[in-house]
């Protein structure tokens, strides 16, 4: 975000998801506008863009590490982090507004680990934006991470306003909780 003051006029410009948000204020009053700009990576005319919906990197499932961290909010949002390792280990760290605070561990099957890795592919996680910011500052932030074949991909979901959070990301976050059985410690 850029802020510039020129002769008593304040201008703020923010670019979120290919949309420019412009606000200016001067002694004469307020002006604001939103301008849509085309994506910078638009394919040539007639070409069809193919998003990367799954990781193309070969991997060994035992080396995969997947994490979901939910932060606290201004109210009583549960704050915790759950990490699922490729060998089936689940490590939960309860922080606040949860039934169980501190570290807990569990084990899930190799099939459940593979199911979760596949859920990242199905969600198109590797082609999502790195962050879905918000203009609202008192809500929770959800950070989802996968380490696969030594490469780390992280997506931050801060609520997505004005940039909408993909439904597939919310589904994936809930799938991580489901497979880790986080509810046994959170609710």
C-alpha atoms as a PDB file:
ATOM      1  CA  UNK A   1       0.000   0.000   0.000  1.00  0.00           C
ATOM      2  CA  UNK A   2       1.350   3.416  -0.953  1.00  0.00           C
ATOM      3  CA  UNK A   3       0.474   6.676   0.775  1.00  0.00           C
ATOM      4  CA  UNK A   4       1.479  10.025  -0.701  1.00  0.00           C
ATOM      5  CA  UNK A   5       0.731  13.569   0.516  1.00  0.00           C
ATOM      6  CA  UNK A   6       0.934  16.358  -2.055  1.00  0.00           C
ATOM      7  CA  UNK A   7      -0.177  19.907  -1.237  1.00  0.00           C
ATOM      8  CA  UNK A   8      -2.670  18.845   1.428  1.00  0.00           C
ATOM      9  CA  UNK A   9      -4.013  15.855  -0.540  1.00  0.00           C
ATOM     10  CA  UNK A  10      -3.619  12.316   0.825  1.00  0.00           C
ATOM     11  CA  UNK A  11      -3.778   9.433  -1.656  1.00  0.00           C
ATOM     12  CA  UNK A  12      -3.744   5.742  -0.746  1.00  0.00           C
ATOM     13  CA  UNK A  13      -3.320   3.085  -3.415  1.00  0.00           C
ATOM     14  CA  UNK A  14      -3.609  -0.636  -2.702  1.00  0.00           C
ATOM     15  CA  UNK A  15      -3.457  -3.494  -5.202  1.00  0.00           C
ATOM     16  CA  UNK A  16      -5.230  -6.703  -4.181  1.00  0.00           C
ATOM     17  CA  UNK A  17      -5.791  -9.508  -6.661  1.00  0.00           C
ATOM     18  CA  UNK A  18      -5.517  -7.390  -9.778  1.00  0.00           C
ATOM     19  CA  UNK A  19      -7.852  -4.688  -8.444  1.00  0.00           C
ATOM     20  CA  UNK A  20      -6.514  -1.233  -7.639  1.00  0.00           C
ATOM     21  CA  UNK A  21      -8.201   0.486  -4.701  1.00  0.00           C
ATOM     22  CA  UNK A  22      -7.675   4.245  -4.694  1.00  0.00           C
ATOM     23  CA  UNK A  23      -8.642   6.697  -1.974  1.00  0.00           C
ATOM     24  CA  UNK A  24      -7.806  10.350  -1.852  1.00  0.00           C
ATOM     25  CA  UNK A  25      -8.700  13.143   0.528  1.00  0.00           C
ATOM     26  CA  UNK A  26      -8.007  16.821   0.179  1.00  0.00           C
ATOM     27  CA  UNK A  27      -9.277  20.009   1.709  1.00  0.00           C
ATOM     28  CA  UNK A  28     -11.968  20.015  -0.993  1.00  0.00           C
ATOM     29  CA  UNK A  29     -13.503  16.679   0.092  1.00  0.00           C
ATOM     30  CA  UNK A  30     -13.224  12.942  -0.537  1.00  0.00           C
ATOM     31  CA  UNK A  31     -12.788  11.035  -3.783  1.00  0.00           C
ATOM     32  CA  UNK A  32     -12.441   7.282  -4.096  1.00  0.00           C
ATOM     33  CA  UNK A  33     -12.463   4.821  -6.963  1.00  0.00           C
ATOM     34  CA  UNK A  34     -11.840   1.167  -7.734  1.00  0.00           C
ATOM     35  CA  UNK A  35     -10.191   0.308 -11.025  1.00  0.00           C
ATOM     36  CA  UNK A  36     -10.079  -3.251 -12.419  1.00  0.00           C
ATOM     37  CA  UNK A  37      -6.864  -4.075 -14.274  1.00  0.00           C
ATOM     38  CA  UNK A  38      -6.139  -7.211 -16.271  1.00  0.00           C
ATOM     39  CA  UNK A  39      -3.929  -9.855 -14.697  1.00  0.00           C
ATOM     40  CA  UNK A  40      -0.264  -9.402 -15.532  1.00  0.00           C
ATOM     41  CA  UNK A  41       0.099 -13.066 -16.486  1.00  0.00           C
ATOM     42  CA  UNK A  42      -2.719 -13.088 -19.062  1.00  0.00           C
ATOM     43  CA  UNK A  43      -2.014 -15.729 -21.735  1.00  0.00           C
ATOM     44  CA  UNK A  44      -1.653 -14.680 -25.378  1.00  0.00           C
ATOM     45  CA  UNK A  45      -4.870 -14.214 -27.342  1.00  0.00           C
ATOM     46  CA  UNK A  46      -6.516 -17.568 -28.069  1.00  0.00           C
ATOM     47  CA  UNK A  47      -4.443 -19.425 -25.464  1.00  0.00           C
ATOM     48  CA  UNK A  48      -6.044 -21.047 -22.437  1.00  0.00           C
ATOM     49  CA  UNK A  49      -4.335 -20.679 -19.076  1.00  0.00           C
ATOM     50  CA  UNK A  50      -3.910 -23.962 -17.212  1.00  0.00           C
ATOM     51  CA  UNK A  51      -3.630 -23.441 -13.450  1.00  0.00           C
ATOM     52  CA  UNK A  52      -1.356 -25.789 -11.557  1.00  0.00           C
ATOM     53  CA  UNK A  53      -3.876 -27.725  -9.503  1.00  0.00           C
ATOM     54  CA  UNK A  54      -1.454 -30.222  -8.030  1.00  0.00           C
ATOM     55  CA  UNK A  55       2.185 -30.413  -7.210  1.00  0.00           C
ATOM     56  CA  UNK A  56       4.211 -31.890 -10.025  1.00  0.00           C
ATOM     57  CA  UNK A  57       7.115 -32.611  -7.699  1.00  0.00           C
ATOM     58  CA  UNK A  58       7.608 -36.307  -6.948  1.00  0.00           C
ATOM     59  CA  UNK A  59       7.657 -36.989  -3.236  1.00  0.00           C
ATOM     60  CA  UNK A  60       7.937 -39.646  -0.577  1.00  0.00           C
ATOM     61  CA  UNK A  61       4.815 -39.529   1.613  1.00  0.00           C
ATOM     62  CA  UNK A  62       6.911 -40.082   4.752  1.00  0.00           C
ATOM     63  CA  UNK A  63       8.668 -36.753   4.108  1.00  0.00           C
ATOM     64  CA  UNK A  64       5.442 -34.713   3.880  1.00  0.00           C
ATOM     65  CA  UNK A  65       4.544 -32.256   6.657  1.00  0.00           C
ATOM     66  CA  UNK A  66       1.150 -30.488   6.675  1.00  0.00           C
ATOM     67  CA  UNK A  67       0.157 -27.766   9.130  1.00  0.00           C
ATOM     68  CA  UNK A  68      -2.960 -25.772   9.942  1.00  0.00           C
ATOM     69  CA  UNK A  69      -2.663 -22.916  12.408  1.00  0.00           C
ATOM     70  CA  UNK A  70      -5.705 -20.967  13.564  1.00  0.00           C
ATOM     71  CA  UNK A  71      -4.951 -17.722  15.414  1.00  0.00           C
ATOM     72  CA  UNK A  72      -6.981 -16.070  18.117  1.00  0.00           C
ATOM     73  CA  UNK A  73      -9.252 -13.156  17.340  1.00  0.00           C
ATOM     74  CA  UNK A  74     -10.636 -10.226  19.301  1.00  0.00           C
ATOM     75  CA  UNK A  75     -13.321 -12.556  20.690  1.00  0.00           C
ATOM     76  CA  UNK A  76     -13.040 -16.192  21.726  1.00  0.00           C
ATOM     77  CA  UNK A  77     -11.857 -17.894  18.530  1.00  0.00           C
ATOM     78  CA  UNK A  78      -9.952 -21.130  19.240  1.00  0.00           C
ATOM     79  CA  UNK A  79      -6.207 -20.676  18.685  1.00  0.00           C
ATOM     80  CA  UNK A  80      -4.187 -23.793  17.959  1.00  0.00           C
ATOM     81  CA  UNK A  81      -1.791 -25.437  15.557  1.00  0.00           C
ATOM     82  CA  UNK A  82      -2.037 -28.991  14.249  1.00  0.00           C
ATOM     83  CA  UNK A  83       0.801 -30.624  12.316  1.00  0.00           C
ATOM     84  CA  UNK A  84       0.472 -33.923  10.463  1.00  0.00           C
ATOM     85  CA  UNK A  85       3.653 -35.740   9.477  1.00  0.00           C
ATOM     86  CA  UNK A  86       4.017 -38.240   6.649  1.00  0.00           C
ATOM     87  CA  UNK A  87       4.609 -41.077   9.121  1.00  0.00           C
ATOM     88  CA  UNK A  88       1.140 -40.467  10.613  1.00  0.00           C
ATOM     89  CA  UNK A  89       2.188 -38.462  13.675  1.00  0.00           C
ATOM     90  CA  UNK A  90      -0.209 -35.686  14.645  1.00  0.00           C
ATOM     91  CA  UNK A  91       1.065 -32.936  16.931  1.00  0.00           C
ATOM     92  CA  UNK A  92      -1.485 -30.498  18.361  1.00  0.00           C
ATOM     93  CA  UNK A  93      -0.508 -27.297  20.182  1.00  0.00           C
ATOM     94  CA  UNK A  94      -3.465 -25.675  21.964  1.00  0.00           C
ATOM     95  CA  UNK A  95      -2.926 -21.978  22.633  1.00  0.00           C
ATOM     96  CA  UNK A  96      -6.162 -20.305  23.802  1.00  0.00           C
ATOM     97  CA  UNK A  97      -9.951 -20.702  23.817  1.00  0.00           C
ATOM     98  CA  UNK A  98      -9.588 -24.473  23.354  1.00  0.00           C
ATOM     99  CA  UNK A  99     -10.605 -27.382  25.580  1.00  0.00           C
ATOM    100  CA  UNK A 100      -7.003 -28.627  25.845  1.00  0.00           C
ATOM    101  CA  UNK A 101      -4.061 -26.207  25.990  1.00  0.00           C
ATOM    102  CA  UNK A 102      -0.496 -27.390  25.422  1.00  0.00           C
ATOM    103  CA  UNK A 103       0.925 -30.197  23.313  1.00  0.00           C
ATOM    104  CA  UNK A 104      -0.955 -33.405  22.504  1.00  0.00           C
ATOM    105  CA  UNK A 105       0.036 -36.169  20.101  1.00  0.00           C
ATOM    106  CA  UNK A 106      -1.821 -38.844  18.169  1.00  0.00           C
ATOM    107  CA  UNK A 107      -1.297 -41.180  15.220  1.00  0.00           C
ATOM    108  CA  UNK A 108      -3.255 -41.591  11.986  1.00  0.00           C
ATOM    109  CA  UNK A 109      -2.944 -44.246   9.286  1.00  0.00           C
ATOM    110  CA  UNK A 110      -0.812 -43.926   6.159  1.00  0.00           C
ATOM    111  CA  UNK A 111      -4.051 -44.015   4.131  1.00  0.00           C
ATOM    112  CA  UNK A 112      -5.325 -40.926   5.969  1.00  0.00           C
ATOM    113  CA  UNK A 113      -2.010 -39.144   5.326  1.00  0.00           C
ATOM    114  CA  UNK A 114      -2.247 -39.926   1.595  1.00  0.00           C
ATOM    115  CA  UNK A 115      -5.902 -38.801   1.616  1.00  0.00           C
ATOM    116  CA  UNK A 116      -4.858 -35.448   3.038  1.00  0.00           C
ATOM    117  CA  UNK A 117      -2.000 -35.006   0.545  1.00  0.00           C
ATOM    118  CA  UNK A 118      -4.532 -35.716  -2.209  1.00  0.00           C
ATOM    119  CA  UNK A 119      -6.897 -33.124  -0.681  1.00  0.00           C
ATOM    120  CA  UNK A 120      -4.192 -30.473  -1.208  1.00  0.00           C
ATOM    121  CA  UNK A 121      -4.062 -31.496  -4.893  1.00  0.00           C
ATOM    122  CA  UNK A 122      -7.852 -31.533  -5.310  1.00  0.00           C
ATOM    123  CA  UNK A 123      -8.131 -28.081  -3.687  1.00  0.00           C
ATOM    124  CA  UNK A 124      -5.660 -26.618  -6.185  1.00  0.00           C
ATOM    125  CA  UNK A 125      -3.594 -25.475  -3.207  1.00  0.00           C
ATOM    126  CA  UNK A 126      -0.390 -24.956  -5.229  1.00  0.00           C
ATOM    127  CA  UNK A 127      -2.061 -22.442  -7.539  1.00  0.00           C
ATOM    128  CA  UNK A 128      -3.754 -20.397  -4.795  1.00  0.00           C
ATOM    129  CA  UNK A 129      -2.544 -16.950  -3.857  1.00  0.00           C
ATOM    130  CA  UNK A 130      -0.052 -16.853  -0.990  1.00  0.00           C
ATOM    131  CA  UNK A 131      -2.383 -14.639   1.045  1.00  0.00           C
ATOM    132  CA  UNK A 132      -6.033 -13.658   1.209  1.00  0.00           C
ATOM    133  CA  UNK A 133      -5.823 -10.458   3.278  1.00  0.00           C
ATOM    134  CA  UNK A 134      -8.627  -8.571   4.925  1.00  0.00           C
ATOM    135  CA  UNK A 135      -9.440  -5.031   5.867  1.00  0.00           C
ATOM    136  CA  UNK A 136     -11.020  -6.310   9.096  1.00  0.00           C
ATOM    137  CA  UNK A 137      -8.334  -6.649  11.746  1.00  0.00           C
ATOM    138  CA  UNK A 138     -10.029  -8.406  14.678  1.00  0.00           C
ATOM    139  CA  UNK A 139     -10.753 -11.781  13.060  1.00  0.00           C
ATOM    140  CA  UNK A 140      -8.737 -14.994  13.156  1.00  0.00           C
ATOM    141  CA  UNK A 141      -6.059 -15.863  10.604  1.00  0.00           C
ATOM    142  CA  UNK A 142      -5.710 -19.414   9.275  1.00  0.00           C
ATOM    143  CA  UNK A 143      -2.324 -20.480   7.907  1.00  0.00           C
ATOM    144  CA  UNK A 144      -2.103 -23.714   5.918  1.00  0.00           C
ATOM    145  CA  UNK A 145       1.275 -25.143   4.952  1.00  0.00           C
ATOM    146  CA  UNK A 146       2.534 -28.239   3.183  1.00  0.00           C
ATOM    147  CA  UNK A 147       6.145 -29.319   2.885  1.00  0.00           C
ATOM    148  CA  UNK A 148       6.517 -31.779   0.044  1.00  0.00           C
ATOM    149  CA  UNK A 149       9.806 -32.956  -1.504  1.00  0.00           C
ATOM    150  CA  UNK A 150      11.632 -30.194   0.360  1.00  0.00           C
ATOM    151  CA  UNK A 151       9.396 -27.438  -1.074  1.00  0.00           C
ATOM    152  CA  UNK A 152       7.162 -25.464   1.293  1.00  0.00           C
ATOM    153  CA  UNK A 153       3.886 -23.944   0.084  1.00  0.00           C
ATOM    154  CA  UNK A 154       1.959 -21.693   2.474  1.00  0.00           C
ATOM    155  CA  UNK A 155      -1.403 -19.925   2.143  1.00  0.00           C
ATOM    156  CA  UNK A 156      -2.633 -17.359   4.665  1.00  0.00           C
ATOM    157  CA  UNK A 157      -6.397 -16.936   5.015  1.00  0.00           C
ATOM    158  CA  UNK A 158      -7.124 -13.714   6.889  1.00  0.00           C
ATOM    159  CA  UNK A 159     -10.770 -13.620   5.903  1.00  0.00           C
ATOM    160  CA  UNK A 160     -10.547 -12.509   2.328  1.00  0.00           C
ATOM    161  CA  UNK A 161     -12.197  -9.118   2.218  1.00  0.00           C
ATOM    162  CA  UNK A 162     -12.228  -7.621  -0.359  1.00  0.00           C
ATOM    163  CA  UNK A 163     -10.408 -10.529  -2.045  1.00  0.00           C
ATOM    164  CA  UNK A 164     -12.599 -13.630  -1.751  1.00  0.00           C
ATOM    165  CA  UNK A 165     -11.129 -16.778  -0.189  1.00  0.00           C
ATOM    166  CA  UNK A 166     -11.569 -19.817  -2.452  1.00  0.00           C
ATOM    167  CA  UNK A 167     -14.125 -22.246  -1.043  1.00  0.00           C
ATOM    168  CA  UNK A 168     -11.620 -25.028  -1.747  1.00  0.00           C
ATOM    169  CA  UNK A 169      -9.253 -23.489   0.835  1.00  0.00           C
ATOM    170  CA  UNK A 170     -11.942 -23.507   3.535  1.00  0.00           C
ATOM    171  CA  UNK A 171     -12.806 -27.109   2.646  1.00  0.00           C
ATOM    172  CA  UNK A 172      -9.104 -28.049   2.897  1.00  0.00           C
ATOM    173  CA  UNK A 173      -8.718 -26.343   6.290  1.00  0.00           C
ATOM    174  CA  UNK A 174     -11.707 -28.289   7.589  1.00  0.00           C
ATOM    175  CA  UNK A 175     -10.341 -31.526   6.056  1.00  0.00           C
ATOM    176  CA  UNK A 176      -7.077 -31.078   7.963  1.00  0.00           C
ATOM    177  CA  UNK A 177      -9.040 -30.710  11.207  1.00  0.00           C
ATOM    178  CA  UNK A 178     -11.186 -33.727  10.317  1.00  0.00           C
ATOM    179  CA  UNK A 179      -8.248 -36.033   9.556  1.00  0.00           C
ATOM    180  CA  UNK A 180      -6.261 -34.834  12.582  1.00  0.00           C
ATOM    181  CA  UNK A 181      -9.417 -35.155  14.708  1.00  0.00           C
ATOM    182  CA  UNK A 182      -8.643 -31.740  16.197  1.00  0.00           C
ATOM    183  CA  UNK A 183     -12.110 -31.491  17.715  1.00  0.00           C
ATOM    184  CA  UNK A 184     -11.071 -33.867  20.524  1.00  0.00           C
ATOM    185  CA  UNK A 185      -8.814 -31.103  21.828  1.00  0.00           C
ATOM    186  CA  UNK A 186     -10.538 -27.941  20.561  1.00  0.00           C
ATOM    187  CA  UNK A 187     -14.234 -28.326  21.479  1.00  0.00           C
END
